[in-house]
Amino acid sequence: MERIFFLSGAISAFLGVTLGAFAAHGLKTRLSTEMFNIFEVGVRYHMYHALALLAVAWACGRWPGSLTNLSGWLFIIGTVIFSGSLYVLSLTGVRWLGAITPLGGVAFLGGWACLVWAIVKN
């Protein structure tokens, strides 16, 4: 799992930087300020949790177990749902996608809670 989460974190960070650059150079003049800001929030949380995946990979070696693994999977799921829904919402204007964004936030919170519990338990 350590290798999977390091790889996932590195790929996620690469995509986060790419999407951030795409927004700064390709979307700033094409999106409304509101939609641009929504996209930027997606990128910000994408990058936070790409780094969190790298931390989980490290934690897998130090505090191995199902809680540590679950935290990594929840960070991946959270990134896809939270950031992904914000990306699609800002690019398409489809507002109902905002209704699923909090599910990604719950996955992020679950990931952090699992990581804390894994550390405390060990």
PDB file of N, CA and C in Angstrom:
ATOM      1  N   MET A   1       0.822  -1.199   0.000  1.00  0.00           N
ATOM      2  CA  MET A   1       0.000   0.000   0.000  1.00  0.00           C
ATOM      3  C   MET A   1       0.866   1.262   0.000  1.00  0.00           C
ATOM      4  N   GLU A   2       2.003   1.168   0.633  1.00  0.00           N
ATOM      5  CA  GLU A   2       2.905   2.315   0.695  1.00  0.00           C
ATOM      6  C   GLU A   2       3.212   2.833  -0.716  1.00  0.00           C
ATOM      7  N   ARG A   3       3.565   1.915  -1.593  1.00  0.00           N
ATOM      8  CA  ARG A   3       3.907   2.285  -2.973  1.00  0.00           C
ATOM      9  C   ARG A   3       2.696   2.846  -3.714  1.00  0.00           C
ATOM     10  N   ILE A   4       1.530   2.246  -3.504  1.00  0.00           N
ATOM     11  CA  ILE A   4       0.302   2.709  -4.172  1.00  0.00           C
ATOM     12  C   ILE A   4      -0.005   4.142  -3.757  1.00  0.00           C
ATOM     13  N   PHE A   5       0.106   4.431  -2.460  1.00  0.00           N
ATOM     14  CA  PHE A   5      -0.220   5.781  -2.005  1.00  0.00           C
ATOM     15  C   PHE A   5       0.852   6.800  -2.396  1.00  0.00           C
ATOM     16  N   PHE A   6       2.123   6.407  -2.427  1.00  0.00           N
ATOM     17  CA  PHE A   6       3.150   7.326  -2.943  1.00  0.00           C
ATOM     18  C   PHE A   6       2.888   7.647  -4.408  1.00  0.00           C
ATOM     19  N   LEU A   7       2.591   6.618  -5.183  1.00  0.00           N
ATOM     20  CA  LEU A   7       2.306   6.818  -6.603  1.00  0.00           C
ATOM     21  C   LEU A   7       1.046   7.662  -6.795  1.00  0.00           C
ATOM     22  N   SER A   8      -0.002   7.351  -6.052  1.00  0.00           N
ATOM     23  CA  SER A   8      -1.251   8.115  -6.147  1.00  0.00           C
ATOM     24  C   SER A   8      -1.031   9.572  -5.753  1.00  0.00           C
ATOM     25  N   GLY A   9      -0.256   9.800  -4.695  1.00  0.00           N
ATOM     26  CA  GLY A   9       0.028  11.166  -4.262  1.00  0.00           C
ATOM     27  C   GLY A   9       0.831  11.940  -5.292  1.00  0.00           C
ATOM     28  N   ALA A  10       1.828  11.287  -5.886  1.00  0.00           N
ATOM     29  CA  ALA A  10       2.645  11.954  -6.903  1.00  0.00           C
ATOM     30  C   ALA A  10       1.824  12.279  -8.144  1.00  0.00           C
ATOM     31  N   ILE A  11       1.008  11.337  -8.589  1.00  0.00           N
ATOM     32  CA  ILE A  11       0.156  11.577  -9.765  1.00  0.00           C
ATOM     33  C   ILE A  11      -0.862  12.664  -9.455  1.00  0.00           C
ATOM     34  N   SER A  12      -1.444  12.601  -8.268  1.00  0.00           N
ATOM     35  CA  SER A  12      -2.433  13.603  -7.881  1.00  0.00           C
ATOM     36  C   SER A  12      -1.811  15.001  -7.807  1.00  0.00           C
ATOM     37  N   ALA A  13      -0.607  15.109  -7.261  1.00  0.00           N
ATOM     38  CA  ALA A  13       0.076  16.404  -7.198  1.00  0.00           C
ATOM     39  C   ALA A  13       0.381  16.918  -8.604  1.00  0.00           C
ATOM     40  N   PHE A  14       0.833  16.018  -9.480  1.00  0.00           N
ATOM     41  CA  PHE A  14       1.089  16.400 -10.881  1.00  0.00           C
ATOM     42  C   PHE A  14      -0.185  16.960 -11.517  1.00  0.00           C
ATOM     43  N   LEU A  15      -1.302  16.261 -11.317  1.00  0.00           N
ATOM     44  CA  LEU A  15      -2.571  16.723 -11.881  1.00  0.00           C
ATOM     45  C   LEU A  15      -3.019  18.041 -11.244  1.00  0.00           C
ATOM     46  N   GLY A  16      -2.793  18.186  -9.938  1.00  0.00           N
ATOM     47  CA  GLY A  16      -3.157  19.424  -9.265  1.00  0.00           C
ATOM     48  C   GLY A  16      -2.393  20.621  -9.808  1.00  0.00           C
ATOM     49  N   VAL A  17      -1.095  20.456 -10.007  1.00  0.00           N
ATOM     50  CA  VAL A  17      -0.283  21.538 -10.582  1.00  0.00           C
ATOM     51  C   VAL A  17      -0.741  21.828 -12.008  1.00  0.00           C
ATOM     52  N   THR A  18      -0.998  20.778 -12.771  1.00  0.00           N
ATOM     53  CA  THR A  18      -1.453  20.948 -14.154  1.00  0.00           C
ATOM     54  C   THR A  18      -2.776  21.703 -14.204  1.00  0.00           C
ATOM     55  N   LEU A  19      -3.728  21.299 -13.372  1.00  0.00           N
ATOM     56  CA  LEU A  19      -5.035  21.964 -13.361  1.00  0.00           C
ATOM     57  C   LEU A  19      -4.933  23.400 -12.849  1.00  0.00           C
ATOM     58  N   GLY A  20      -4.050  23.631 -11.881  1.00  0.00           N
ATOM     59  CA  GLY A  20      -3.839  24.998 -11.402  1.00  0.00           C
ATOM     60  C   GLY A  20      -3.265  25.896 -12.488  1.00  0.00           C
ATOM     61  N   ALA A  21      -2.306  25.375 -13.234  1.00  0.00           N
ATOM     62  CA  ALA A  21      -1.727  26.149 -14.340  1.00  0.00           C
ATOM     63  C   ALA A  21      -2.750  26.370 -15.441  1.00  0.00           C
ATOM     64  N   PHE A  22      -3.536  25.335 -15.724  1.00  0.00           N
ATOM     65  CA  PHE A  22      -4.599  25.448 -16.728  1.00  0.00           C
ATOM     66  C   PHE A  22      -5.588  26.549 -16.340  1.00  0.00           C
ATOM     67  N   ALA A  23      -5.938  26.592 -15.054  1.00  0.00           N
ATOM     68  CA  ALA A  23      -6.867  27.621 -14.589  1.00  0.00           C
ATOM     69  C   ALA A  23      -6.247  29.008 -14.714  1.00  0.00           C
ATOM     70  N   ALA A  24      -5.008  29.154 -14.253  1.00  0.00           N
ATOM     71  CA  ALA A  24      -4.359  30.469 -14.249  1.00  0.00           C
ATOM     72  C   ALA A  24      -4.127  31.001 -15.651  1.00  0.00           C
ATOM     73  N   HIS A  25      -3.796  30.109 -16.584  1.00  0.00           N
ATOM     74  CA  HIS A  25      -3.432  30.565 -17.923  1.00  0.00           C
ATOM     75  C   HIS A  25      -4.520  30.368 -18.972  1.00  0.00           C
ATOM     76  N   GLY A  26      -5.449  29.464 -18.713  1.00  0.00           N
ATOM     77  CA  GLY A  26      -6.449  29.176 -19.731  1.00  0.00           C
ATOM     78  C   GLY A  26      -7.872  29.505 -19.364  1.00  0.00           C
ATOM     79  N   LEU A  27      -8.144  29.589 -18.073  1.00  0.00           N
ATOM     80  CA  LEU A  27      -9.532  29.786 -17.656  1.00  0.00           C
ATOM     81  C   LEU A  27      -9.835  31.165 -17.084  1.00  0.00           C
ATOM     82  N   LYS A  28      -8.814  31.860 -16.628  1.00  0.00           N
ATOM     83  CA  LYS A  28      -9.037  33.121 -15.913  1.00  0.00           C
ATOM     84  C   LYS A  28      -9.886  34.110 -16.721  1.00  0.00           C
ATOM     85  N   THR A  29      -9.666  34.166 -18.007  1.00  0.00           N
ATOM     86  CA  THR A  29     -10.429  35.108 -18.829  1.00  0.00           C
ATOM     87  C   THR A  29     -11.709  34.489 -19.394  1.00  0.00           C
ATOM     88  N   ARG A  30     -11.875  33.190 -19.242  1.00  0.00           N
ATOM     89  CA  ARG A  30     -13.033  32.507 -19.824  1.00  0.00           C
ATOM     90  C   ARG A  30     -14.140  32.214 -18.828  1.00  0.00           C
ATOM     91  N   LEU A  31     -13.807  32.204 -17.552  1.00  0.00           N
ATOM     92  CA  LEU A  31     -14.801  31.913 -16.522  1.00  0.00           C
ATOM     93  C   LEU A  31     -15.154  33.186 -15.760  1.00  0.00           C
ATOM     94  N   SER A  32     -16.369  33.197 -15.222  1.00  0.00           N
ATOM     95  CA  SER A  32     -16.728  34.296 -14.326  1.00  0.00           C
ATOM     96  C   SER A  32     -15.839  34.207 -13.090  1.00  0.00           C
ATOM     97  N   THR A  33     -15.749  35.286 -12.358  1.00  0.00           N
ATOM     98  CA  THR A  33     -14.950  35.294 -11.137  1.00  0.00           C
ATOM     99  C   THR A  33     -15.426  34.218 -10.174  1.00  0.00           C
ATOM    100  N   GLU A  34     -16.745  34.063 -10.043  1.00  0.00           N
ATOM    101  CA  GLU A  34     -17.299  33.050  -9.142  1.00  0.00           C
ATOM    102  C   GLU A  34     -16.873  31.645  -9.558  1.00  0.00           C
ATOM    103  N   MET A  35     -17.002  31.328 -10.847  1.00  0.00           N
ATOM    104  CA  MET A  35     -16.655  29.988 -11.320  1.00  0.00           C
ATOM    105  C   MET A  35     -15.143  29.749 -11.259  1.00  0.00           C
ATOM    106  N   PHE A  36     -14.361  30.778 -11.506  1.00  0.00           N
ATOM    107  CA  PHE A  36     -12.909  30.660 -11.396  1.00  0.00           C
ATOM    108  C   PHE A  36     -12.515  30.352  -9.951  1.00  0.00           C
ATOM    109  N   ASN A  37     -13.138  31.064  -8.998  1.00  0.00           N
ATOM    110  CA  ASN A  37     -12.849  30.829  -7.583  1.00  0.00           C
ATOM    111  C   ASN A  37     -13.241  29.419  -7.155  1.00  0.00           C
ATOM    112  N   ILE A  38     -14.342  28.918  -7.682  1.00  0.00           N
ATOM    113  CA  ILE A  38     -14.770  27.545  -7.388  1.00  0.00           C
ATOM    114  C   ILE A  38     -13.721  26.561  -7.901  1.00  0.00           C
ATOM    115  N   PHE A  39     -13.237  26.782  -9.117  1.00  0.00           N
ATOM    116  CA  PHE A  39     -12.204  25.909  -9.681  1.00  0.00           C
ATOM    117  C   PHE A  39     -10.960  25.941  -8.803  1.00  0.00           C
ATOM    118  N   GLU A  40     -10.572  27.137  -8.358  1.00  0.00           N
ATOM    119  CA  GLU A  40      -9.384  27.274  -7.510  1.00  0.00           C
ATOM    120  C   GLU A  40      -9.523  26.542  -6.173  1.00  0.00           C
ATOM    121  N   VAL A  41     -10.721  26.545  -5.598  1.00  0.00           N
ATOM    122  CA  VAL A  41     -10.937  25.790  -4.357  1.00  0.00           C
ATOM    123  C   VAL A  41     -10.718  24.298  -4.631  1.00  0.00           C
ATOM    124  N   GLY A  42     -11.208  23.827  -5.771  1.00  0.00           N
ATOM    125  CA  GLY A  42     -10.977  22.432  -6.147  1.00  0.00           C
ATOM    126  C   GLY A  42      -9.498  22.110  -6.246  1.00  0.00           C
ATOM    127  N   VAL A  43      -8.733  22.988  -6.871  1.00  0.00           N
ATOM    128  CA  VAL A  43      -7.292  22.778  -7.013  1.00  0.00           C
ATOM    129  C   VAL A  43      -6.606  22.800  -5.650  1.00  0.00           C
ATOM    130  N   ARG A  44      -7.011  23.730  -4.797  1.00  0.00           N
ATOM    131  CA  ARG A  44      -6.385  23.849  -3.474  1.00  0.00           C
ATOM    132  C   ARG A  44      -6.558  22.561  -2.667  1.00  0.00           C
ATOM    133  N   TYR A  45      -7.785  22.064  -2.584  1.00  0.00           N
ATOM    134  CA  TYR A  45      -8.026  20.835  -1.822  1.00  0.00           C
ATOM    135  C   TYR A  45      -7.418  19.614  -2.510  1.00  0.00           C
ATOM    136  N   HIS A  46      -7.356  19.653  -3.825  1.00  0.00           N
ATOM    137  CA  HIS A  46      -6.693  18.585  -4.596  1.00  0.00           C
ATOM    138  C   HIS A  46      -5.226  18.498  -4.156  1.00  0.00           C
ATOM    139  N   MET A  47      -4.552  19.644  -4.107  1.00  0.00           N
ATOM    140  CA  MET A  47      -3.137  19.651  -3.731  1.00  0.00           C
ATOM    141  C   MET A  47      -2.932  19.288  -2.260  1.00  0.00           C
ATOM    142  N   TYR A  48      -3.788  19.804  -1.376  1.00  0.00           N
ATOM    143  CA  TYR A  48      -3.655  19.440   0.038  1.00  0.00           C
ATOM    144  C   TYR A  48      -3.685  17.925   0.197  1.00  0.00           C
ATOM    145  N   HIS A  49      -4.603  17.299  -0.511  1.00  0.00           N
ATOM    146  CA  HIS A  49      -4.794  15.864  -0.312  1.00  0.00           C
ATOM    147  C   HIS A  49      -3.857  15.016  -1.164  1.00  0.00           C
ATOM    148  N   ALA A  50      -3.231  15.612  -2.163  1.00  0.00           N
ATOM    149  CA  ALA A  50      -2.119  14.919  -2.833  1.00  0.00           C
ATOM    150  C   ALA A  50      -0.963  14.790  -1.846  1.00  0.00           C
ATOM    151  N   LEU A  51      -0.696  15.865  -1.119  1.00  0.00           N
ATOM    152  CA  LEU A  51       0.350  15.822  -0.088  1.00  0.00           C
ATOM    153  C   LEU A  51      -0.044  14.892   1.055  1.00  0.00           C
ATOM    154  N   ALA A  52      -1.332  14.880   1.385  1.00  0.00           N
ATOM    155  CA  ALA A  52      -1.806  13.967   2.423  1.00  0.00           C
ATOM    156  C   ALA A  52      -1.571  12.518   2.009  1.00  0.00           C
ATOM    157  N   LEU A  53      -1.745  12.201   0.736  1.00  0.00           N
ATOM    158  CA  LEU A  53      -1.481  10.839   0.259  1.00  0.00           C
ATOM    159  C   LEU A  53      -0.010  10.463   0.431  1.00  0.00           C
ATOM    160  N   LEU A  54       0.876  11.414   0.207  1.00  0.00           N
ATOM    161  CA  LEU A  54       2.299  11.142   0.443  1.00  0.00           C
ATOM    162  C   LEU A  54       2.549  10.872   1.924  1.00  0.00           C
ATOM    163  N   ALA A  55       1.859  11.616   2.785  1.00  0.00           N
ATOM    164  CA  ALA A  55       1.986  11.383   4.225  1.00  0.00           C
ATOM    165  C   ALA A  55       1.430  10.012   4.605  1.00  0.00           C
ATOM    166  N   VAL A  56       0.319   9.624   3.983  1.00  0.00           N
ATOM    167  CA  VAL A  56      -0.254   8.303   4.251  1.00  0.00           C
ATOM    168  C   VAL A  56       0.711   7.208   3.806  1.00  0.00           C
ATOM    169  N   ALA A  57       1.350   7.402   2.669  1.00  0.00           N
ATOM    170  CA  ALA A  57       2.320   6.407   2.202  1.00  0.00           C
ATOM    171  C   ALA A  57       3.426   6.231   3.236  1.00  0.00           C
ATOM    172  N   TRP A  58       3.919   7.338   3.757  1.00  0.00           N
ATOM    173  CA  TRP A  58       4.940   7.280   4.805  1.00  0.00           C
ATOM    174  C   TRP A  58       4.377   6.592   6.058  1.00  0.00           C
ATOM    175  N   ALA A  59       3.133   6.934   6.414  1.00  0.00           N
ATOM    176  CA  ALA A  59       2.502   6.354   7.603  1.00  0.00           C
ATOM    177  C   ALA A  59       2.279   4.852   7.448  1.00  0.00           C
ATOM    178  N   CYS A  60       2.088   4.388   6.231  1.00  0.00           N
ATOM    179  CA  CYS A  60       1.911   2.946   5.997  1.00  0.00           C
ATOM    180  C   CYS A  60       3.132   2.157   6.448  1.00  0.00           C
ATOM    181  N   GLY A  61       4.303   2.734   6.309  1.00  0.00           N
ATOM    182  CA  GLY A  61       5.516   2.070   6.767  1.00  0.00           C
ATOM    183  C   GLY A  61       5.707   2.172   8.270  1.00  0.00           C
ATOM    184  N   ARG A  62       5.209   3.231   8.848  1.00  0.00           N
ATOM    185  CA  ARG A  62       5.410   3.479  10.280  1.00  0.00           C
ATOM    186  C   ARG A  62       4.295   2.898  11.141  1.00  0.00           C
ATOM    187  N   TRP A  63       3.042   3.075  10.696  1.00  0.00           N
ATOM    188  CA  TRP A  63       1.863   2.588  11.423  1.00  0.00           C
ATOM    189  C   TRP A  63       0.974   1.799  10.460  1.00  0.00           C
ATOM    190  N   PRO A  64       1.443   0.653  10.003  1.00  0.00           N
ATOM    191  CA  PRO A  64       0.670  -0.113   9.022  1.00  0.00           C
ATOM    192  C   PRO A  64      -0.638  -0.633   9.617  1.00  0.00           C
ATOM    193  N   GLY A  65      -1.604  -0.784   8.747  1.00  0.00           N
ATOM    194  CA  GLY A  65      -2.879  -1.340   9.198  1.00  0.00           C
ATOM    195  C   GLY A  65      -4.030  -0.843   8.352  1.00  0.00           C
ATOM    196  N   SER A  66      -5.176  -1.388   8.631  1.00  0.00           N
ATOM    197  CA  SER A  66      -6.350  -1.080   7.819  1.00  0.00           C
ATOM    198  C   SER A  66      -6.791   0.376   7.954  1.00  0.00           C
ATOM    199  N   LEU A  67      -6.622   0.989   9.121  1.00  0.00           N
ATOM    200  CA  LEU A  67      -7.021   2.390   9.282  1.00  0.00           C
ATOM    201  C   LEU A  67      -6.145   3.315   8.444  1.00  0.00           C
ATOM    202  N   THR A  68      -4.856   3.047   8.422  1.00  0.00           N
ATOM    203  CA  THR A  68      -3.950   3.857   7.604  1.00  0.00           C
ATOM    204  C   THR A  68      -4.306   3.701   6.131  1.00  0.00           C
ATOM    205  N   ASN A  69      -4.544   2.473   5.703  1.00  0.00           N
ATOM    206  CA  ASN A  69      -4.931   2.230   4.310  1.00  0.00           C
ATOM    207  C   ASN A  69      -6.256   2.908   3.976  1.00  0.00           C
ATOM    208  N   LEU A  70      -7.221   2.798   4.882  1.00  0.00           N
ATOM    209  CA  LEU A  70      -8.519   3.420   4.649  1.00  0.00           C
ATOM    210  C   LEU A  70      -8.384   4.929   4.505  1.00  0.00           C
ATOM    211  N   SER A  71      -7.499   5.533   5.297  1.00  0.00           N
ATOM    212  CA  SER A  71      -7.321   6.986   5.192  1.00  0.00           C
ATOM    213  C   SER A  71      -6.851   7.369   3.788  1.00  0.00           C
ATOM    214  N   GLY A  72      -5.946   6.601   3.222  1.00  0.00           N
ATOM    215  CA  GLY A  72      -5.489   6.890   1.861  1.00  0.00           C
ATOM    216  C   GLY A  72      -6.601   6.762   0.838  1.00  0.00           C
ATOM    217  N   TRP A  73      -7.379   5.699   0.933  1.00  0.00           N
ATOM    218  CA  TRP A  73      -8.487   5.519  -0.013  1.00  0.00           C
ATOM    219  C   TRP A  73      -9.524   6.617   0.142  1.00  0.00           C
ATOM    220  N   LEU A  74      -9.788   7.043   1.377  1.00  0.00           N
ATOM    221  CA  LEU A  74     -10.743   8.134   1.584  1.00  0.00           C
ATOM    222  C   LEU A  74     -10.222   9.447   1.007  1.00  0.00           C
ATOM    223  N   PHE A  75      -8.917   9.688   1.076  1.00  0.00           N
ATOM    224  CA  PHE A  75      -8.354  10.885   0.457  1.00  0.00           C
ATOM    225  C   PHE A  75      -8.510  10.837  -1.063  1.00  0.00           C
ATOM    226  N   ILE A  76      -8.309   9.671  -1.646  1.00  0.00           N
ATOM    227  CA  ILE A  76      -8.484   9.534  -3.098  1.00  0.00           C
ATOM    228  C   ILE A  76      -9.943   9.761  -3.483  1.00  0.00           C
ATOM    229  N   ILE A  77     -10.852   9.110  -2.770  1.00  0.00           N
ATOM    230  CA  ILE A  77     -12.286   9.270  -3.044  1.00  0.00           C
ATOM    231  C   ILE A  77     -12.700  10.724  -2.844  1.00  0.00           C
ATOM    232  N   GLY A  78     -12.224  11.328  -1.765  1.00  0.00           N
ATOM    233  CA  GLY A  78     -12.550  12.730  -1.499  1.00  0.00           C
ATOM    234  C   GLY A  78     -12.074  13.657  -2.600  1.00  0.00           C
ATOM    235  N   THR A  79     -10.880  13.420  -3.100  1.00  0.00           N
ATOM    236  CA  THR A  79     -10.353  14.255  -4.183  1.00  0.00           C
ATOM    237  C   THR A  79     -11.209  14.132  -5.431  1.00  0.00           C
ATOM    238  N   VAL A  80     -11.564  12.912  -5.783  1.00  0.00           N
ATOM    239  CA  VAL A  80     -12.385  12.697  -6.982  1.00  0.00           C
ATOM    240  C   VAL A  80     -13.745  13.377  -6.825  1.00  0.00           C
ATOM    241  N   ILE A  81     -14.392  13.174  -5.682  1.00  0.00           N
ATOM    242  CA  ILE A  81     -15.740  13.719  -5.504  1.00  0.00           C
ATOM    243  C   ILE A  81     -15.707  15.220  -5.236  1.00  0.00           C
ATOM    244  N   PHE A  82     -14.899  15.662  -4.270  1.00  0.00           N
ATOM    245  CA  PHE A  82     -14.879  17.076  -3.893  1.00  0.00           C
ATOM    246  C   PHE A  82     -14.303  17.928  -5.024  1.00  0.00           C
ATOM    247  N   SER A  83     -13.044  17.691  -5.358  1.00  0.00           N
ATOM    248  CA  SER A  83     -12.410  18.518  -6.382  1.00  0.00           C
ATOM    249  C   SER A  83     -13.035  18.274  -7.745  1.00  0.00           C
ATOM    250  N   GLY A  84     -13.296  17.018  -8.054  1.00  0.00           N
ATOM    251  CA  GLY A  84     -13.884  16.704  -9.359  1.00  0.00           C
ATOM    252  C   GLY A  84     -15.216  17.397  -9.574  1.00  0.00           C
ATOM    253  N   SER A  85     -16.067  17.395  -8.561  1.00  0.00           N
ATOM    254  CA  SER A  85     -17.369  18.057  -8.724  1.00  0.00           C
ATOM    255  C   SER A  85     -17.203  19.564  -8.884  1.00  0.00           C
ATOM    256  N   LEU A  86     -16.227  20.147  -8.179  1.00  0.00           N
ATOM    257  CA  LEU A  86     -15.996  21.594  -8.335  1.00  0.00           C
ATOM    258  C   LEU A  86     -15.438  21.924  -9.721  1.00  0.00           C
ATOM    259  N   TYR A  87     -14.569  21.061 -10.248  1.00  0.00           N
ATOM    260  CA  TYR A  87     -14.041  21.288 -11.591  1.00  0.00           C
ATOM    261  C   TYR A  87     -15.176  21.259 -12.621  1.00  0.00           C
ATOM    262  N   VAL A  88     -15.991  20.232 -12.544  1.00  0.00           N
ATOM    263  CA  VAL A  88     -17.079  20.091 -13.522  1.00  0.00           C
ATOM    264  C   VAL A  88     -18.100  21.209 -13.350  1.00  0.00           C
ATOM    265  N   LEU A  89     -18.439  21.543 -12.100  1.00  0.00           N
ATOM    266  CA  LEU A  89     -19.386  22.630 -11.846  1.00  0.00           C
ATOM    267  C   LEU A  89     -18.890  23.942 -12.452  1.00  0.00           C
ATOM    268  N   SER A  90     -17.617  24.267 -12.210  1.00  0.00           N
ATOM    269  CA  SER A  90     -17.094  25.548 -12.697  1.00  0.00           C
ATOM    270  C   SER A  90     -16.986  25.589 -14.215  1.00  0.00           C
ATOM    271  N   LEU A  91     -16.725  24.465 -14.836  1.00  0.00           N
ATOM    272  CA  LEU A  91     -16.583  24.436 -16.300  1.00  0.00           C
ATOM    273  C   LEU A  91     -17.912  24.343 -17.031  1.00  0.00           C
ATOM    274  N   THR A  92     -18.916  23.736 -16.388  1.00  0.00           N
ATOM    275  CA  THR A  92     -20.204  23.540 -17.069  1.00  0.00           C
ATOM    276  C   THR A  92     -21.316  24.415 -16.527  1.00  0.00           C
ATOM    277  N   GLY A  93     -21.169  24.879 -15.301  1.00  0.00           N
ATOM    278  CA  GLY A  93     -22.227  25.664 -14.672  1.00  0.00           C
ATOM    279  C   GLY A  93     -23.370  24.811 -14.145  1.00  0.00           C
ATOM    280  N   VAL A  94     -23.221  23.496 -14.181  1.00  0.00           N
ATOM    281  CA  VAL A  94     -24.262  22.593 -13.694  1.00  0.00           C
ATOM    282  C   VAL A  94     -24.257  22.651 -12.162  1.00  0.00           C
ATOM    283  N   ARG A  95     -25.206  23.370 -11.596  1.00  0.00           N
ATOM    284  CA  ARG A  95     -25.216  23.686 -10.169  1.00  0.00           C
ATOM    285  C   ARG A  95     -25.505  22.489  -9.264  1.00  0.00           C
ATOM    286  N   TRP A  96     -26.251  21.508  -9.734  1.00  0.00           N
ATOM    287  CA  TRP A  96     -26.583  20.379  -8.855  1.00  0.00           C
ATOM    288  C   TRP A  96     -25.341  19.617  -8.419  1.00  0.00           C
ATOM    289  N   LEU A  97     -24.244  19.774  -9.156  1.00  0.00           N
ATOM    290  CA  LEU A  97     -23.005  19.105  -8.745  1.00  0.00           C
ATOM    291  C   LEU A  97     -22.516  19.603  -7.389  1.00  0.00           C
ATOM    292  N   GLY A  98     -22.893  20.836  -7.052  1.00  0.00           N
ATOM    293  CA  GLY A  98     -22.533  21.368  -5.742  1.00  0.00           C
ATOM    294  C   GLY A  98     -23.136  20.557  -4.607  1.00  0.00           C
ATOM    295  N   ALA A  99     -24.205  19.827  -4.904  1.00  0.00           N
ATOM    296  CA  ALA A  99     -24.856  19.012  -3.874  1.00  0.00           C
ATOM    297  C   ALA A  99     -24.032  17.782  -3.495  1.00  0.00           C
ATOM    298  N   ILE A 100     -23.171  17.308  -4.399  1.00  0.00           N
ATOM    299  CA  ILE A 100     -22.369  16.125  -4.071  1.00  0.00           C
ATOM    300  C   ILE A 100     -20.989  16.497  -3.517  1.00  0.00           C
ATOM    301  N   THR A 101     -20.609  17.745  -3.665  1.00  0.00           N
ATOM    302  CA  THR A 101     -19.303  18.193  -3.174  1.00  0.00           C
ATOM    303  C   THR A 101     -19.104  17.877  -1.685  1.00  0.00           C
ATOM    304  N   PRO A 102     -20.117  18.108  -0.828  1.00  0.00           N
ATOM    305  CA  PRO A 102     -19.920  17.793   0.594  1.00  0.00           C
ATOM    306  C   PRO A 102     -19.615  16.316   0.869  1.00  0.00           C
ATOM    307  N   LEU A 103     -20.044  15.419   0.001  1.00  0.00           N
ATOM    308  CA  LEU A 103     -19.702  14.005   0.189  1.00  0.00           C
ATOM    309  C   LEU A 103     -18.186  13.807   0.109  1.00  0.00           C
ATOM    310  N   GLY A 104     -17.549  14.539  -0.789  1.00  0.00           N
ATOM    311  CA  GLY A 104     -16.094  14.501  -0.867  1.00  0.00           C
ATOM    312  C   GLY A 104     -15.460  15.072   0.380  1.00  0.00           C
ATOM    313  N   GLY A 105     -16.061  16.132   0.921  1.00  0.00           N
ATOM    314  CA  GLY A 105     -15.567  16.711   2.165  1.00  0.00           C
ATOM    315  C   GLY A 105     -15.672  15.736   3.325  1.00  0.00           C
ATOM    316  N   VAL A 106     -16.763  14.975   3.354  1.00  0.00           N
ATOM    317  CA  VAL A 106     -16.928  13.959   4.395  1.00  0.00           C
ATOM    318  C   VAL A 106     -15.853  12.878   4.243  1.00  0.00           C
ATOM    319  N   ALA A 107     -15.538  12.510   2.993  1.00  0.00           N
ATOM    320  CA  ALA A 107     -14.471  11.524   2.758  1.00  0.00           C
ATOM    321  C   ALA A 107     -13.132  12.073   3.257  1.00  0.00           C
ATOM    322  N   PHE A 108     -12.856  13.356   3.004  1.00  0.00           N
ATOM    323  CA  PHE A 108     -11.627  13.966   3.519  1.00  0.00           C
ATOM    324  C   PHE A 108     -11.580  13.886   5.045  1.00  0.00           C
ATOM    325  N   LEU A 109     -12.681  14.265   5.691  1.00  0.00           N
ATOM    326  CA  LEU A 109     -12.733  14.223   7.156  1.00  0.00           C
ATOM    327  C   LEU A 109     -12.542  12.796   7.667  1.00  0.00           C
ATOM    328  N   GLY A 110     -13.174  11.847   6.999  1.00  0.00           N
ATOM    329  CA  GLY A 110     -13.002  10.447   7.382  1.00  0.00           C
ATOM    330  C   GLY A 110     -11.561  10.000   7.232  1.00  0.00           C
ATOM    331  N   GLY A 111     -10.912  10.446   6.164  1.00  0.00           N
ATOM    332  CA  GLY A 111      -9.506  10.105   5.953  1.00  0.00           C
ATOM    333  C   GLY A 111      -8.620  10.634   7.064  1.00  0.00           C
ATOM    334  N   TRP A 112      -8.856  11.882   7.449  1.00  0.00           N
ATOM    335  CA  TRP A 112      -8.056  12.459   8.533  1.00  0.00           C
ATOM    336  C   TRP A 112      -8.357  11.758   9.855  1.00  0.00           C
ATOM    337  N   ALA A 113      -9.625  11.450  10.103  1.00  0.00           N
ATOM    338  CA  ALA A 113      -9.989  10.755  11.339  1.00  0.00           C
ATOM    339  C   ALA A 113      -9.340   9.371  11.397  1.00  0.00           C
ATOM    340  N   CYS A 114      -9.359   8.650  10.297  1.00  0.00           N
ATOM    341  CA  CYS A 114      -8.728   7.322  10.255  1.00  0.00           C
ATOM    342  C   CYS A 114      -7.227   7.420  10.489  1.00  0.00           C
ATOM    343  N   LEU A 115      -6.597   8.430   9.912  1.00  0.00           N
ATOM    344  CA  LEU A 115      -5.162   8.598  10.092  1.00  0.00           C
ATOM    345  C   LEU A 115      -4.830   8.901  11.553  1.00  0.00           C
ATOM    346  N   VAL A 116      -5.605   9.778  12.160  1.00  0.00           N
ATOM    347  CA  VAL A 116      -5.411  10.091  13.582  1.00  0.00           C
ATOM    348  C   VAL A 116      -5.576   8.822  14.415  1.00  0.00           C
ATOM    349  N   TRP A 117      -6.647   8.085  14.166  1.00  0.00           N
ATOM    350  CA  TRP A 117      -6.919   6.889  14.947  1.00  0.00           C
ATOM    351  C   TRP A 117      -5.809   5.840  14.756  1.00  0.00           C
ATOM    352  N   ALA A 118      -5.327   5.711  13.525  1.00  0.00           N
ATOM    353  CA  ALA A 118      -4.232   4.755  13.262  1.00  0.00           C
ATOM    354  C   ALA A 118      -2.982   5.109  14.080  1.00  0.00           C
ATOM    355  N   ILE A 119      -2.692   6.397  14.182  1.00  0.00           N
ATOM    356  CA  ILE A 119      -1.515   6.843  14.935  1.00  0.00           C
ATOM    357  C   ILE A 119      -1.730   6.623  16.433  1.00  0.00           C
ATOM    358  N   VAL A 120      -2.889   7.002  16.924  1.00  0.00           N
ATOM    359  CA  VAL A 120      -3.191   6.854  18.354  1.00  0.00           C
ATOM    360  C   VAL A 120      -3.216   5.379  18.749  1.00  0.00           C
ATOM    361  N   LYS A 121      -3.791   4.559  17.903  1.00  0.00           N
ATOM    362  CA  LYS A 121      -3.924   3.121  18.179  1.00  0.00           C
ATOM    363  C   LYS A 121      -2.576   2.429  18.256  1.00  0.00           C
ATOM    364  N   ASN A 122      -1.624   2.885  17.457  1.00  0.00           N
ATOM    365  CA  ASN A 122      -0.307   2.261  17.440  1.00  0.00           C
ATOM    366  C   ASN A 122       0.617   3.001  18.358  1.00  0.00           C
TER     367      ASN A 122
END
